[in-house]
Protein backbone atom coordinates (compact mmCIF):
# COMPACT_ATOMS: atom_id res chain seq x y z
CA MET A 1 154.17 -71.09 21.67
CA LYS A 2 154.70 -71.88 25.43
CA HIS A 3 155.71 -69.38 28.06
CA HIS A 4 159.07 -70.15 28.99
CA ILE A 5 160.06 -70.19 32.75
CA LEU A 6 163.60 -70.22 34.26
CA VAL A 7 163.61 -72.08 37.76
CA VAL A 8 167.03 -71.03 39.49
CA GLU A 9 167.08 -73.51 42.45
CA ASP A 10 170.28 -75.48 43.89
CA ASP A 11 167.88 -77.80 45.76
CA GLU A 12 167.57 -80.55 43.15
CA THR A 13 164.53 -82.45 44.33
CA LEU A 14 162.56 -79.09 44.43
CA GLN A 15 163.76 -77.96 41.10
CA ARG A 16 162.38 -81.14 39.70
CA LEU A 17 159.23 -80.92 41.50
CA LEU A 18 158.88 -77.49 40.24
CA ALA A 19 159.63 -78.46 36.59
CA PHE A 20 157.12 -81.16 36.93
CA CYS A 21 154.62 -79.06 38.10
CA LEU A 22 154.88 -75.99 35.72
CA GLU A 23 155.35 -78.60 32.50
CA GLN A 24 151.88 -80.04 33.78
CA GLU A 25 150.49 -76.49 33.43
CA GLY A 26 151.67 -76.13 29.99
CA TYR A 27 154.76 -73.98 30.56
CA ARG A 28 158.21 -74.57 28.95
CA VAL A 29 160.77 -74.84 31.76
CA SER A 30 164.42 -74.54 32.20
CA CYS A 31 166.49 -74.88 35.54
CA ALA A 32 169.60 -73.59 36.92
CA GLY A 33 171.22 -74.69 40.01
CA SER A 34 173.43 -71.66 40.38
CA ALA A 35 173.82 -68.15 39.52
CA LYS A 36 176.67 -68.78 36.95
CA GLU A 37 173.92 -71.41 35.27
CA ALA A 38 171.43 -68.92 35.52
CA HIS A 39 173.44 -66.35 33.77
CA ALA A 40 174.21 -68.73 30.96
CA HIS A 41 170.60 -69.63 30.40
CA LEU A 42 169.68 -65.95 30.26
CA GLU A 43 172.34 -64.91 27.74
CA SER A 44 171.52 -67.84 25.65
CA GLN A 45 167.55 -68.11 25.44
CA ASP A 46 164.36 -65.80 26.06
CA HIS A 47 162.61 -66.28 29.25
CA ASP A 48 158.97 -64.69 30.32
CA VAL A 49 159.34 -65.47 33.99
CA VAL A 50 162.35 -66.29 36.71
CA LEU A 51 161.62 -68.03 39.72
CA LEU A 52 164.50 -67.17 41.97
CA ASP A 53 165.59 -69.22 44.79
CA LEU A 54 167.69 -66.24 47.16
CA GLY A 55 169.67 -69.17 48.69
CA LEU A 56 172.35 -70.12 45.98
CA PRO A 57 175.60 -71.72 46.57
CA ASP A 58 177.75 -69.36 44.50
CA GLU A 59 176.12 -65.81 44.91
CA ASP A 60 173.81 -64.23 47.25
CA GLY A 61 169.98 -64.57 45.14
CA LEU A 62 169.71 -60.89 45.88
CA VAL A 63 172.94 -59.72 43.95
CA LEU A 64 171.82 -62.07 41.14
CA ALA A 65 168.01 -60.00 41.27
CA ARG A 66 169.76 -56.83 41.17
CA GLN A 67 172.10 -57.95 38.12
CA LEU A 68 168.98 -59.23 36.15
CA ARG A 69 167.05 -55.98 36.90
CA THR A 70 169.85 -53.84 35.83
CA ARG A 71 169.75 -55.74 32.39
CA SER A 72 166.11 -56.46 31.64
CA GLU A 73 162.62 -56.07 33.20
CA ILE A 74 161.77 -59.83 33.04
CA PRO A 75 159.35 -60.56 35.61
CA ILE A 76 161.10 -62.21 38.77
CA ILE A 77 159.34 -64.05 41.56
CA VAL A 78 161.56 -64.66 44.64
CA LEU A 79 161.24 -68.35 46.44
CA THR A 80 163.12 -68.12 50.09
CA GLY A 81 162.92 -70.21 52.83
CA ASN A 82 164.00 -66.90 54.80
CA GLN A 83 161.55 -65.77 57.22
CA ASP A 84 163.16 -62.32 57.42
CA GLN A 85 160.64 -59.40 56.55
CA GLU A 86 163.51 -57.12 55.79
CA THR A 87 165.16 -59.91 53.27
CA LEU A 88 161.78 -59.88 51.29
CA VAL A 89 161.52 -55.84 51.67
CA SER A 90 164.86 -55.77 49.89
CA ALA A 91 163.92 -57.90 46.91
CA LEU A 92 160.89 -56.08 46.40
CA GLN A 93 162.89 -52.65 46.43
CA LEU A 94 165.23 -54.25 43.69
CA GLY A 95 162.22 -54.47 41.43
CA THR A 96 161.17 -58.32 41.84
CA SER A 97 157.52 -58.72 40.97
CA ASP A 98 156.41 -61.00 43.78
CA TYR A 99 157.55 -63.57 46.38
CA LEU A 100 156.75 -66.89 48.02
CA ARG A 101 157.90 -68.40 51.31
CA LYS A 102 158.75 -72.15 51.49
CA PRO A 103 157.08 -74.56 51.83
CA PHE A 104 154.57 -73.27 49.27
CA ASP A 105 151.57 -74.87 47.66
CA PRO A 106 152.42 -75.36 43.84
CA ARG A 107 149.04 -74.42 42.68
CA GLU A 108 149.64 -70.80 44.65
CA LEU A 109 153.07 -70.50 42.52
CA THR A 110 150.92 -71.20 39.50
CA LEU A 111 148.22 -68.49 40.29
CA ARG A 112 151.29 -66.33 41.50
CA ILE A 113 152.96 -66.91 37.68
CA ARG A 114 149.66 -66.15 35.83
CA SER A 115 149.06 -62.98 37.73
CA VAL A 116 152.93 -61.87 37.00
CA LEU A 117 152.45 -62.40 33.37
CA ALA A 118 149.05 -60.51 33.20
CA ARG A 119 150.62 -57.42 34.81
CA SER A 120 153.65 -57.71 32.50
CA GLY A 121 151.60 -58.35 29.35
CA VAL A 122 154.15 -60.70 28.23
CA SER A 123 152.54 -63.05 25.71
CA PRO A 124 154.48 -66.19 24.24
CA GLN A 125 153.98 -64.88 20.98
CA SER A 126 156.10 -62.14 21.74
CA LEU A 127 158.59 -63.37 24.17
CA THR A 128 161.30 -60.09 23.54
CA SER A 129 158.74 -57.67 22.74
CA HIS A 130 159.41 -55.55 25.70
CA GLU A 131 163.10 -55.25 24.63
CA PRO A 132 164.39 -54.30 21.20
CA THR A 133 166.47 -56.42 19.30
CA LEU A 134 168.51 -53.91 17.70
CA ILE A 135 169.53 -50.59 19.09
CA SER A 136 170.67 -47.79 16.74
CA PHE A 137 172.72 -44.92 17.57
CA ASP A 138 174.79 -42.18 15.70
CA GLY A 139 174.99 -44.44 12.69
CA TRP A 140 175.95 -47.76 14.72
CA THR A 141 173.87 -50.48 15.42
CA LEU A 142 174.03 -52.86 18.39
CA ASP A 143 172.68 -56.32 17.76
CA LEU A 144 171.36 -57.62 20.99
CA ARG A 145 170.27 -61.08 19.72
CA ALA A 146 173.57 -61.55 17.60
CA ARG A 147 175.77 -59.79 20.17
CA ASN A 148 177.48 -57.75 17.08
CA LEU A 149 178.29 -54.05 16.70
CA LEU A 150 177.99 -52.50 13.04
CA ALA A 151 179.95 -49.75 12.30
CA PRO A 152 178.05 -46.72 9.97
CA ASP A 153 179.74 -48.14 6.90
CA LYS A 154 178.25 -51.65 7.92
CA SER A 155 181.72 -53.43 9.08
CA GLU A 156 181.77 -55.42 12.06
CA VAL A 157 183.29 -54.42 14.92
CA ALA A 158 184.32 -57.01 17.86
CA LEU A 159 183.29 -56.37 21.02
CA THR A 160 184.72 -58.66 24.13
CA PRO A 161 181.54 -59.84 26.07
CA GLY A 162 182.49 -57.30 28.96
CA GLU A 163 182.15 -54.55 26.26
CA PHE A 164 179.15 -55.77 24.74
CA SER A 165 177.35 -55.72 28.09
CA LEU A 166 178.59 -52.21 29.14
CA LEU A 167 177.58 -50.90 25.97
CA SER A 168 174.47 -52.51 26.21
CA ALA A 169 173.47 -51.13 29.65
CA LEU A 170 174.35 -47.49 28.38
CA LEU A 171 172.48 -47.86 25.52
CA LYS A 172 169.30 -48.95 27.03
CA ARG A 173 169.27 -45.96 29.60
CA PRO A 174 170.48 -42.96 27.19
CA GLY A 175 171.16 -39.94 28.98
CA TRP A 176 170.94 -41.63 32.41
CA ALA A 177 173.99 -41.49 34.37
CA LEU A 178 174.81 -45.33 35.45
CA SER A 179 176.79 -45.95 38.76
CA ARG A 180 179.77 -47.87 38.87
CA ASN A 181 177.85 -50.46 40.93
CA GLN A 182 175.06 -50.65 38.04
CA LEU A 183 177.72 -50.98 35.61
CA LEU A 184 179.35 -53.86 37.51
CA ASP A 185 175.98 -55.48 37.74
CA ALA A 186 175.78 -55.09 33.95
CA ILE A 187 179.05 -57.00 33.18
CA ALA A 188 178.90 -59.52 36.10
CA ASN A 189 178.31 -62.90 34.50
CA GLY A 190 178.38 -65.50 37.50
CA ASP A 191 181.93 -65.85 37.75
CA ASP A 192 184.14 -63.77 40.14
CA PRO A 193 183.02 -60.56 40.77
CA PRO A 194 184.60 -58.06 38.51
CA SER A 195 186.78 -55.38 39.68
CA PRO A 196 185.64 -52.02 39.52
CA ARG A 197 188.84 -51.01 37.62
CA MET A 198 187.04 -53.19 34.91
CA ILE A 199 184.67 -50.25 34.22
CA ASP A 200 187.24 -48.00 33.22
CA VAL A 201 189.14 -50.62 30.97
CA PHE A 202 186.23 -51.29 29.08
CA ILE A 203 184.93 -47.79 28.74
CA SER A 204 188.59 -46.69 27.39
CA GLN A 205 188.44 -49.84 24.86
CA LEU A 206 184.83 -48.97 23.76
CA ARG A 207 185.73 -45.25 23.25
CA GLY A 208 188.59 -46.22 21.04
CA LYS A 209 186.37 -48.15 19.09
CA ILE A 210 183.24 -45.99 18.67
CA GLU A 211 184.65 -42.47 19.21
CA VAL A 212 185.80 -40.20 16.81
CA ASP A 213 188.30 -38.76 19.09
CA GLY A 214 188.78 -41.06 22.25
CA ARG A 215 190.16 -38.22 24.26
CA ARG A 216 187.35 -36.03 23.70
CA PRO A 217 184.11 -38.53 23.71
CA THR A 218 180.76 -37.31 22.79
CA LEU A 219 178.98 -40.81 23.00
CA ILE A 220 180.02 -42.39 26.24
CA LEU A 221 180.49 -39.50 28.67
CA SER A 222 182.14 -39.29 32.32
CA VAL A 223 180.02 -38.49 35.28
CA ARG A 224 182.60 -37.21 37.90
CA GLY A 225 182.54 -39.23 41.09
CA TYR A 226 179.69 -41.56 40.11
CA GLY A 227 180.05 -43.50 36.83
CA TYR A 228 179.38 -42.85 32.89
CA LYS A 229 176.18 -42.13 30.79
CA PHE A 230 175.54 -42.28 26.93
CA GLY A 231 175.49 -38.75 25.42
CA GLY A 232 174.54 -39.51 21.63
CA THR A 233 171.38 -39.75 20.03
CA ILE A 234 169.32 -43.12 19.76
CA GLY A 235 167.59 -44.01 16.68
CA SER A 236 169.91 -42.40 14.26
């Protein structure tokens, strides 16, 4: 099985060139011309590396990088024509793996991809080995691939996309207090940025579905003045 690369680049000529060069090297390639398209690809398929242009038409590439890092540890290589060192430092501080300034030699990009894959330990035979498919907690089971939630009695509980993304973010970092900004990143999908008020709405809805008593929550806990955290037990 081939490694799968997602190229997020709005310049169609460069996008086609990158896809051709990477396919010649034996990679499977998907392309997105905007942040919205990138979100759609990442939600529907597994990828091993994201090549991310910072100058996207619908969203700052740094914002997209932050959103991706909130949800996953997938390696990100930044591609940018911006010569500002501060921008590159900001990208690396967000947890991106590497960067290349445009114009660049495709051969150098190939070497960078190989290096990132080697450091991350991702193999094409285990595309999702770095992230579990199922998360069990307090009798409940969240299926990340099927995007559904099973109650302790094995019945399926319907979740909206926002509820699912928010619950996933909390379960992936049990006991960690996640700020409102981190939770907003978790529910962003490339459309208009969600309102901070939506976090409280989704939390209230989730508590109504999974808590024994939504007024006295034990699973989704408030962190006053900051955000929320998961207070239950993972793996039970």
